[in-house]
Amino acid sequence: MELNTILPFGDKSKESIRNTGFLTVWEGSVRSAKTLTSLFAFINYVMSYPVSDSRFVMTGATQGSIYRNCIENEFGIIALSGGLFEEMTDKNNSKFLHLKGTQKKIYYFGGDNIASYKKIRGATYAGWYADEINNHHVNTITECFNRTAVSLDRRNFWTLNP
């Protein structure tokens, strides 16, 4: 995606999108574009990931907060991607986004309590997006790092709640 075709990103946002690595953290004041910028970077990562049947994971304090903050709204993944992602539910009632035309899936979960990691356990993920990581339980953080350990291009995208 071209950075200026969706929104006029500032220079700092553009630089952070171009320079993601193993762990990229966006922090700033309310309304500073950290969530929008980080989501755009994550979408680009998912879309360009070399394995067509990869799974990714997104976590928020709760499943509802990750959905409200990062998926459904006018600046969420579905809108930012131009509708390339669709919401689905698997046979175990896990919610995910499917990238149309591929087998890529982004599962999303809440991560704020001691048992949240259990929803993530057992799967392998290529990369991880965490909204408001400072509201996550340490068990969730540890499990997400463990679940992305064998990724070909392991990247973690975090935002901080001020």
N, C-alpha and C. Protein backbone atom coordinates (compact mmCIF):
# COMPACT_ATOMS: atom_id res chain seq x y z
N MET A 1 0.83 -1.18 0.00
CA MET A 1 0.00 0.00 0.00
C MET A 1 0.88 1.24 0.00
N GLU A 2 0.48 2.23 -0.70
CA GLU A 2 1.19 3.50 -0.73
C GLU A 2 0.78 4.31 0.50
N LEU A 3 1.76 4.87 1.18
CA LEU A 3 1.50 5.57 2.44
C LEU A 3 0.59 6.78 2.30
N ASN A 4 0.64 7.49 1.21
CA ASN A 4 -0.15 8.71 1.08
C ASN A 4 -1.49 8.51 0.39
N THR A 5 -1.81 7.30 -0.05
CA THR A 5 -3.08 7.09 -0.74
C THR A 5 -4.25 6.94 0.21
N ILE A 6 -3.98 6.50 1.43
CA ILE A 6 -5.07 6.32 2.38
C ILE A 6 -5.23 7.56 3.25
N LEU A 7 -4.17 7.97 3.88
CA LEU A 7 -4.18 9.15 4.73
C LEU A 7 -2.84 9.86 4.59
N PRO A 8 -2.82 11.14 4.83
CA PRO A 8 -1.54 11.86 4.76
C PRO A 8 -0.75 11.65 6.05
N PHE A 9 0.01 10.57 6.12
CA PHE A 9 0.83 10.27 7.29
C PHE A 9 1.92 11.33 7.45
N GLY A 10 2.25 11.65 8.70
CA GLY A 10 3.37 12.54 8.99
C GLY A 10 4.69 11.82 8.78
N ASP A 11 5.77 12.57 8.79
CA ASP A 11 7.10 12.00 8.55
C ASP A 11 7.47 10.93 9.58
N LYS A 12 7.17 11.16 10.87
CA LYS A 12 7.49 10.18 11.91
C LYS A 12 6.70 8.89 11.69
N SER A 13 5.44 9.02 11.31
CA SER A 13 4.62 7.82 11.04
C SER A 13 5.19 7.04 9.86
N LYS A 14 5.51 7.74 8.79
CA LYS A 14 6.07 7.08 7.60
C LYS A 14 7.36 6.35 7.94
N GLU A 15 8.21 7.01 8.71
CA GLU A 15 9.49 6.38 9.09
C GLU A 15 9.25 5.12 9.92
N SER A 16 8.32 5.18 10.85
CA SER A 16 8.07 4.01 11.70
C SER A 16 7.45 2.86 10.91
N ILE A 17 6.63 3.17 9.91
CA ILE A 17 6.04 2.12 9.07
C ILE A 17 7.13 1.43 8.25
N ARG A 18 8.04 2.21 7.73
CA ARG A 18 9.12 1.65 6.89
C ARG A 18 10.16 0.89 7.69
N ASN A 19 10.28 1.17 8.97
CA ASN A 19 11.38 0.62 9.76
C ASN A 19 10.93 -0.29 10.90
N THR A 20 9.96 -1.13 10.64
CA THR A 20 9.57 -2.09 11.67
C THR A 20 10.60 -3.20 11.75
N GLY A 21 10.73 -3.77 12.92
CA GLY A 21 11.68 -4.86 13.13
C GLY A 21 11.11 -5.88 14.08
N PHE A 22 11.97 -6.56 14.80
CA PHE A 22 11.53 -7.59 15.74
C PHE A 22 10.48 -7.05 16.70
N LEU A 23 10.73 -5.87 17.26
CA LEU A 23 9.78 -5.26 18.19
C LEU A 23 9.70 -3.77 17.88
N THR A 24 8.54 -3.35 17.44
CA THR A 24 8.29 -1.94 17.16
C THR A 24 7.18 -1.48 18.09
N VAL A 25 7.45 -0.42 18.85
CA VAL A 25 6.50 0.08 19.84
C VAL A 25 6.14 1.52 19.50
N TRP A 26 4.83 1.78 19.44
CA TRP A 26 4.34 3.12 19.22
C TRP A 26 3.79 3.65 20.53
N GLU A 27 4.26 4.82 20.94
CA GLU A 27 3.76 5.48 22.14
C GLU A 27 3.54 6.94 21.83
N GLY A 28 2.65 7.55 22.57
CA GLY A 28 2.37 8.95 22.36
C GLY A 28 1.07 9.34 23.02
N SER A 29 0.73 10.57 22.87
CA SER A 29 -0.48 11.08 23.50
C SER A 29 -1.72 10.55 22.79
N VAL A 30 -2.85 10.78 23.41
CA VAL A 30 -4.13 10.44 22.80
C VAL A 30 -4.25 11.21 21.49
N ARG A 31 -4.75 10.57 20.44
CA ARG A 31 -4.97 11.16 19.11
C ARG A 31 -3.66 11.48 18.38
N SER A 32 -2.57 10.75 18.70
CA SER A 32 -1.28 11.01 18.05
C SER A 32 -1.04 10.12 16.84
N ALA A 33 -2.01 9.32 16.45
CA ALA A 33 -1.98 8.43 15.28
C ALA A 33 -1.17 7.17 15.50
N LYS A 34 -0.87 6.82 16.75
CA LYS A 34 -0.08 5.60 16.99
C LYS A 34 -0.82 4.33 16.58
N THR A 35 -2.11 4.23 16.87
CA THR A 35 -2.85 3.02 16.50
C THR A 35 -3.00 2.94 14.99
N LEU A 36 -3.37 4.02 14.36
CA LEU A 36 -3.52 4.04 12.91
C LEU A 36 -2.21 3.68 12.21
N THR A 37 -1.12 4.28 12.64
CA THR A 37 0.19 4.01 12.05
C THR A 37 0.60 2.56 12.26
N SER A 38 0.43 2.07 13.47
CA SER A 38 0.82 0.69 13.77
C SER A 38 -0.03 -0.32 13.00
N LEU A 39 -1.32 -0.04 12.85
CA LEU A 39 -2.18 -0.93 12.08
C LEU A 39 -1.78 -0.97 10.61
N PHE A 40 -1.45 0.17 10.05
CA PHE A 40 -1.02 0.22 8.66
C PHE A 40 0.26 -0.60 8.49
N ALA A 41 1.19 -0.46 9.42
CA ALA A 41 2.44 -1.24 9.36
C ALA A 41 2.14 -2.74 9.47
N PHE A 42 1.23 -3.11 10.38
CA PHE A 42 0.88 -4.51 10.57
C PHE A 42 0.20 -5.10 9.33
N ILE A 43 -0.71 -4.35 8.73
CA ILE A 43 -1.38 -4.81 7.51
C ILE A 43 -0.35 -5.07 6.41
N ASN A 44 0.56 -4.14 6.23
CA ASN A 44 1.61 -4.33 5.22
C ASN A 44 2.44 -5.58 5.50
N TYR A 45 2.76 -5.79 6.76
CA TYR A 45 3.52 -6.98 7.16
C TYR A 45 2.75 -8.26 6.82
N VAL A 46 1.49 -8.32 7.22
CA VAL A 46 0.67 -9.50 6.95
C VAL A 46 0.55 -9.75 5.45
N MET A 47 0.26 -8.71 4.71
CA MET A 47 0.04 -8.87 3.27
C MET A 47 1.32 -9.28 2.54
N SER A 48 2.47 -8.85 3.01
CA SER A 48 3.73 -9.17 2.33
C SER A 48 4.44 -10.38 2.91
N TYR A 49 3.90 -10.97 3.98
CA TYR A 49 4.54 -12.14 4.58
C TYR A 49 4.61 -13.26 3.54
N PRO A 50 5.78 -13.92 3.41
CA PRO A 50 6.01 -14.82 2.27
C PRO A 50 5.22 -16.14 2.26
N VAL A 51 4.65 -16.54 3.36
CA VAL A 51 3.94 -17.82 3.41
C VAL A 51 2.44 -17.56 3.34
N SER A 52 1.78 -18.14 2.32
CA SER A 52 0.38 -17.79 2.06
C SER A 52 -0.63 -18.38 3.04
N ASP A 53 -0.23 -19.36 3.82
CA ASP A 53 -1.17 -19.95 4.78
C ASP A 53 -0.78 -19.64 6.23
N SER A 54 -0.22 -18.48 6.46
CA SER A 54 0.25 -18.09 7.79
C SER A 54 -0.88 -17.60 8.68
N ARG A 55 -0.65 -17.76 9.97
CA ARG A 55 -1.55 -17.22 10.98
C ARG A 55 -0.81 -16.14 11.77
N PHE A 56 -1.55 -15.12 12.15
CA PHE A 56 -1.03 -14.02 12.93
C PHE A 56 -1.94 -13.87 14.14
N VAL A 57 -1.48 -13.14 15.15
CA VAL A 57 -2.29 -12.95 16.34
C VAL A 57 -2.32 -11.46 16.70
N MET A 58 -3.50 -11.03 17.15
CA MET A 58 -3.69 -9.69 17.69
C MET A 58 -4.27 -9.83 19.08
N THR A 59 -3.77 -9.01 20.00
CA THR A 59 -4.31 -9.02 21.36
C THR A 59 -4.59 -7.60 21.81
N GLY A 60 -5.59 -7.49 22.64
CA GLY A 60 -5.92 -6.24 23.31
C GLY A 60 -6.19 -6.56 24.76
N ALA A 61 -6.50 -5.57 25.55
CA ALA A 61 -6.83 -5.86 26.94
C ALA A 61 -7.96 -6.89 26.98
N THR A 62 -8.97 -6.69 26.14
CA THR A 62 -10.06 -7.65 26.00
C THR A 62 -10.28 -7.89 24.51
N GLN A 63 -11.00 -8.93 24.19
CA GLN A 63 -11.32 -9.17 22.78
C GLN A 63 -12.18 -8.02 22.24
N GLY A 64 -13.05 -7.50 23.07
CA GLY A 64 -13.88 -6.38 22.66
C GLY A 64 -13.07 -5.13 22.38
N SER A 65 -12.06 -4.87 23.19
CA SER A 65 -11.27 -3.65 22.97
C SER A 65 -10.42 -3.76 21.71
N ILE A 66 -9.85 -4.92 21.42
CA ILE A 66 -9.06 -5.06 20.18
C ILE A 66 -9.98 -4.92 18.98
N TYR A 67 -11.19 -5.44 19.09
CA TYR A 67 -12.15 -5.31 18.00
C TYR A 67 -12.54 -3.85 17.78
N ARG A 68 -12.92 -3.16 18.86
CA ARG A 68 -13.34 -1.76 18.76
C ARG A 68 -12.21 -0.84 18.31
N ASN A 69 -11.03 -1.02 18.87
CA ASN A 69 -9.91 -0.11 18.61
C ASN A 69 -9.22 -0.36 17.28
N CYS A 70 -9.19 -1.61 16.83
CA CYS A 70 -8.29 -1.95 15.73
C CYS A 70 -8.92 -2.66 14.54
N ILE A 71 -10.15 -3.10 14.64
CA ILE A 71 -10.73 -3.90 13.57
C ILE A 71 -11.94 -3.23 12.93
N GLU A 72 -12.92 -2.82 13.73
CA GLU A 72 -14.21 -2.44 13.17
C GLU A 72 -14.37 -0.99 12.75
N ASN A 73 -13.66 -0.08 13.34
CA ASN A 73 -13.98 1.33 13.10
C ASN A 73 -13.47 1.83 11.75
N GLU A 74 -13.72 3.11 11.47
CA GLU A 74 -13.36 3.66 10.16
C GLU A 74 -11.86 3.68 9.90
N PHE A 75 -11.06 3.51 10.95
CA PHE A 75 -9.61 3.42 10.79
C PHE A 75 -9.10 2.06 11.27
N GLY A 76 -9.95 1.05 11.26
CA GLY A 76 -9.57 -0.30 11.63
C GLY A 76 -9.03 -1.07 10.44
N ILE A 77 -8.61 -2.29 10.68
CA ILE A 77 -7.98 -3.12 9.65
C ILE A 77 -8.87 -3.31 8.42
N ILE A 78 -10.14 -3.57 8.64
CA ILE A 78 -11.03 -3.82 7.50
C ILE A 78 -11.11 -2.59 6.60
N ALA A 79 -11.31 -1.43 7.19
CA ALA A 79 -11.40 -0.20 6.40
C ALA A 79 -10.06 0.18 5.79
N LEU A 80 -8.98 0.11 6.58
CA LEU A 80 -7.66 0.48 6.06
C LEU A 80 -7.21 -0.40 4.90
N SER A 81 -7.64 -1.65 4.90
CA SER A 81 -7.23 -2.57 3.83
C SER A 81 -8.15 -2.49 2.61
N GLY A 82 -9.13 -1.63 2.66
CA GLY A 82 -10.06 -1.53 1.55
C GLY A 82 -10.98 -2.74 1.46
N GLY A 83 -11.24 -3.37 2.59
CA GLY A 83 -12.13 -4.53 2.62
C GLY A 83 -11.46 -5.84 2.23
N LEU A 84 -10.13 -5.87 2.22
CA LEU A 84 -9.43 -7.11 1.87
C LEU A 84 -9.51 -8.16 2.97
N PHE A 85 -9.86 -7.73 4.17
CA PHE A 85 -10.02 -8.67 5.28
C PHE A 85 -11.50 -8.83 5.59
N GLU A 86 -11.90 -10.06 5.93
CA GLU A 86 -13.28 -10.31 6.33
C GLU A 86 -13.28 -11.02 7.67
N GLU A 87 -14.29 -10.72 8.48
CA GLU A 87 -14.43 -11.33 9.79
C GLU A 87 -14.98 -12.74 9.66
N MET A 88 -14.41 -13.66 10.45
CA MET A 88 -14.88 -15.04 10.43
C MET A 88 -14.75 -15.64 11.83
N THR A 89 -15.36 -16.80 12.01
CA THR A 89 -15.27 -17.56 13.25
C THR A 89 -14.95 -19.00 12.88
N ASP A 90 -13.97 -19.61 13.56
CA ASP A 90 -13.64 -21.00 13.23
C ASP A 90 -14.53 -21.97 14.01
N LYS A 91 -14.31 -23.26 13.80
CA LYS A 91 -15.17 -24.28 14.42
C LYS A 91 -15.05 -24.31 15.94
N ASN A 92 -14.00 -23.69 16.49
CA ASN A 92 -13.84 -23.61 17.95
C ASN A 92 -14.34 -22.28 18.52
N ASN A 93 -15.05 -21.53 17.68
CA ASN A 93 -15.58 -20.22 18.04
C ASN A 93 -14.51 -19.16 18.27
N SER A 94 -13.33 -19.35 17.72
CA SER A 94 -12.29 -18.32 17.77
C SER A 94 -12.54 -17.33 16.63
N LYS A 95 -12.44 -16.07 16.95
CA LYS A 95 -12.66 -15.00 15.96
C LYS A 95 -11.36 -14.73 15.22
N PHE A 96 -11.47 -14.49 13.91
CA PHE A 96 -10.29 -14.14 13.13
C PHE A 96 -10.68 -13.31 11.92
N LEU A 97 -9.67 -12.68 11.35
CA LEU A 97 -9.81 -11.96 10.09
C LEU A 97 -9.13 -12.78 9.02
N HIS A 98 -9.78 -12.92 7.89
CA HIS A 98 -9.24 -13.69 6.77
C HIS A 98 -8.86 -12.73 5.66
N LEU A 99 -7.63 -12.83 5.16
CA LEU A 99 -7.20 -12.02 4.03
C LEU A 99 -7.70 -12.69 2.77
N LYS A 100 -8.64 -12.07 2.10
CA LYS A 100 -9.27 -12.65 0.92
C LYS A 100 -8.22 -13.03 -0.13
N GLY A 101 -8.42 -14.17 -0.78
CA GLY A 101 -7.52 -14.64 -1.82
C GLY A 101 -6.30 -15.38 -1.30
N THR A 102 -6.20 -15.54 0.02
CA THR A 102 -5.08 -16.26 0.64
C THR A 102 -5.65 -17.15 1.74
N GLN A 103 -4.75 -17.85 2.40
CA GLN A 103 -5.12 -18.62 3.58
C GLN A 103 -4.66 -17.91 4.85
N LYS A 104 -4.24 -16.66 4.75
CA LYS A 104 -3.74 -15.92 5.90
C LYS A 104 -4.89 -15.55 6.82
N LYS A 105 -4.64 -15.73 8.12
CA LYS A 105 -5.64 -15.44 9.14
C LYS A 105 -5.00 -14.66 10.28
N ILE A 106 -5.76 -13.72 10.83
CA ILE A 106 -5.34 -12.99 12.01
C ILE A 106 -6.34 -13.30 13.12
N TYR A 107 -5.92 -14.09 14.10
CA TYR A 107 -6.77 -14.40 15.25
C TYR A 107 -6.65 -13.26 16.25
N TYR A 108 -7.75 -12.93 16.93
CA TYR A 108 -7.68 -11.87 17.93
C TYR A 108 -8.32 -12.29 19.24
N PHE A 109 -7.63 -11.89 20.34
CA PHE A 109 -7.98 -12.32 21.68
C PHE A 109 -7.77 -11.19 22.68
N GLY A 110 -8.39 -11.35 23.85
CA GLY A 110 -8.10 -10.48 24.98
C GLY A 110 -6.89 -11.03 25.72
N GLY A 111 -6.18 -10.16 26.42
CA GLY A 111 -4.96 -10.60 27.09
C GLY A 111 -4.72 -10.02 28.46
N ASP A 112 -5.78 -9.59 29.14
CA ASP A 112 -5.58 -8.85 30.38
C ASP A 112 -5.58 -9.69 31.65
N ASN A 113 -5.91 -10.95 31.59
CA ASN A 113 -5.96 -11.69 32.85
C ASN A 113 -5.01 -12.89 32.86
N ILE A 114 -4.85 -13.48 34.01
CA ILE A 114 -3.85 -14.52 34.23
C ILE A 114 -4.06 -15.75 33.33
N ALA A 115 -5.29 -16.00 32.92
CA ALA A 115 -5.59 -17.19 32.10
C ALA A 115 -5.70 -16.89 30.61
N SER A 116 -5.53 -15.65 30.20
CA SER A 116 -5.71 -15.28 28.79
C SER A 116 -4.78 -16.04 27.85
N TYR A 117 -3.60 -16.36 28.30
CA TYR A 117 -2.62 -17.06 27.46
C TYR A 117 -3.15 -18.41 26.96
N LYS A 118 -4.09 -19.00 27.66
CA LYS A 118 -4.58 -20.33 27.28
C LYS A 118 -5.27 -20.32 25.92
N LYS A 119 -5.83 -19.18 25.52
CA LYS A 119 -6.49 -19.08 24.21
C LYS A 119 -5.47 -19.09 23.08
N ILE A 120 -4.25 -18.70 23.38
CA ILE A 120 -3.19 -18.56 22.38
C ILE A 120 -2.34 -19.81 22.30
N ARG A 121 -2.26 -20.52 23.40
CA ARG A 121 -1.39 -21.70 23.53
C ARG A 121 -1.72 -22.76 22.47
N GLY A 122 -0.66 -23.40 21.96
CA GLY A 122 -0.82 -24.52 21.04
C GLY A 122 -0.76 -24.16 19.57
N ALA A 123 -0.81 -22.87 19.24
CA ALA A 123 -0.78 -22.45 17.85
C ALA A 123 0.58 -21.81 17.54
N THR A 124 0.90 -21.77 16.26
CA THR A 124 2.10 -21.08 15.80
C THR A 124 1.65 -19.87 15.00
N TYR A 125 2.24 -18.73 15.29
CA TYR A 125 1.88 -17.49 14.61
C TYR A 125 3.13 -16.87 13.98
N ALA A 126 2.93 -16.19 12.87
CA ALA A 126 4.03 -15.53 12.18
C ALA A 126 4.41 -14.23 12.87
N GLY A 127 3.43 -13.47 13.33
CA GLY A 127 3.69 -12.19 13.97
C GLY A 127 2.56 -11.81 14.91
N TRP A 128 2.82 -10.77 15.70
CA TRP A 128 1.90 -10.40 16.78
C TRP A 128 1.69 -8.90 16.82
N TYR A 129 0.43 -8.49 16.93
CA TYR A 129 0.06 -7.10 17.15
C TYR A 129 -0.59 -7.02 18.53
N ALA A 130 -0.12 -6.11 19.39
CA ALA A 130 -0.70 -5.93 20.72
C ALA A 130 -1.11 -4.48 20.90
N ASP A 131 -2.39 -4.26 21.10
CA ASP A 131 -2.92 -2.92 21.36
C ASP A 131 -2.90 -2.69 22.87
N GLU A 132 -2.35 -1.57 23.28
CA GLU A 132 -2.27 -1.21 24.69
C GLU A 132 -1.59 -2.32 25.50
N ILE A 133 -0.37 -2.64 25.10
CA ILE A 133 0.39 -3.75 25.71
C ILE A 133 0.54 -3.58 27.22
N ASN A 134 0.55 -2.36 27.70
CA ASN A 134 0.69 -2.14 29.13
C ASN A 134 -0.52 -2.61 29.93
N ASN A 135 -1.61 -2.98 29.24
CA ASN A 135 -2.78 -3.54 29.91
C ASN A 135 -2.87 -5.06 29.77
N HIS A 136 -1.82 -5.68 29.25
CA HIS A 136 -1.78 -7.14 29.08
C HIS A 136 -1.16 -7.81 30.31
N HIS A 137 -1.61 -9.01 30.58
CA HIS A 137 -1.00 -9.80 31.64
C HIS A 137 0.32 -10.38 31.13
N VAL A 138 1.29 -10.50 32.01
CA VAL A 138 2.61 -11.01 31.62
C VAL A 138 2.53 -12.41 31.01
N ASN A 139 1.59 -13.23 31.43
CA ASN A 139 1.43 -14.58 30.85
C ASN A 139 1.07 -14.50 29.36
N THR A 140 0.23 -13.54 29.00
CA THR A 140 -0.14 -13.36 27.59
C THR A 140 1.07 -12.92 26.78
N ILE A 141 1.83 -11.99 27.29
CA ILE A 141 3.01 -11.49 26.59
C ILE A 141 4.01 -12.62 26.36
N THR A 142 4.28 -13.38 27.40
CA THR A 142 5.22 -14.51 27.29
C THR A 142 4.74 -15.53 26.26
N GLU A 143 3.47 -15.87 26.32
CA GLU A 143 2.92 -16.89 25.40
C GLU A 143 2.97 -16.41 23.95
N CYS A 144 2.68 -15.15 23.71
CA CYS A 144 2.74 -14.64 22.33
C CYS A 144 4.16 -14.66 21.79
N PHE A 145 5.14 -14.32 22.62
CA PHE A 145 6.53 -14.44 22.18
C PHE A 145 6.87 -15.91 21.88
N ASN A 146 6.42 -16.81 22.71
CA ASN A 146 6.69 -18.25 22.49
C ASN A 146 6.03 -18.75 21.20
N ARG A 147 4.86 -18.27 20.90
CA ARG A 147 4.09 -18.76 19.75
C ARG A 147 4.59 -18.21 18.42
N THR A 148 5.45 -17.18 18.44
CA THR A 148 6.00 -16.62 17.20
C THR A 148 7.47 -16.98 17.02
N ALA A 149 7.99 -17.85 17.85
CA ALA A 149 9.43 -18.13 17.87
C ALA A 149 9.98 -18.72 16.57
N VAL A 150 9.17 -19.42 15.79
CA VAL A 150 9.68 -20.07 14.57
C VAL A 150 9.32 -19.32 13.30
N SER A 151 8.87 -18.10 13.43
CA SER A 151 8.48 -17.29 12.27
C SER A 151 9.67 -17.01 11.36
N LEU A 152 9.42 -16.99 10.05
CA LEU A 152 10.46 -16.65 9.07
C LEU A 152 10.86 -15.18 9.17
N ASP A 153 9.93 -14.32 9.57
CA ASP A 153 10.16 -12.89 9.68
C ASP A 153 9.38 -12.41 10.89
N ARG A 154 9.89 -12.77 12.06
CA ARG A 154 9.19 -12.53 13.32
C ARG A 154 9.15 -11.04 13.64
N ARG A 155 7.93 -10.51 13.73
CA ARG A 155 7.76 -9.11 14.09
C ARG A 155 6.63 -8.96 15.10
N ASN A 156 6.83 -8.02 15.99
CA ASN A 156 5.87 -7.72 17.05
C ASN A 156 5.57 -6.23 17.00
N PHE A 157 4.30 -5.89 16.95
CA PHE A 157 3.83 -4.51 16.82
C PHE A 157 3.05 -4.18 18.08
N TRP A 158 3.53 -3.20 18.84
CA TRP A 158 2.87 -2.84 20.10
C TRP A 158 2.50 -1.37 20.13
N THR A 159 1.35 -1.08 20.76
CA THR A 159 1.01 0.29 21.11
C THR A 159 0.92 0.36 22.62
N LEU A 160 1.19 1.54 23.15
CA LEU A 160 1.10 1.79 24.59
C LEU A 160 -0.04 2.76 24.86
N ASN A 161 -0.78 2.50 25.91
CA ASN A 161 -1.85 3.39 26.33
C ASN A 161 -1.22 4.44 27.24
N PRO A 162 -1.35 5.73 26.90
CA PRO A 162 -0.69 6.76 27.73
C PRO A 162 -1.27 6.85 29.12
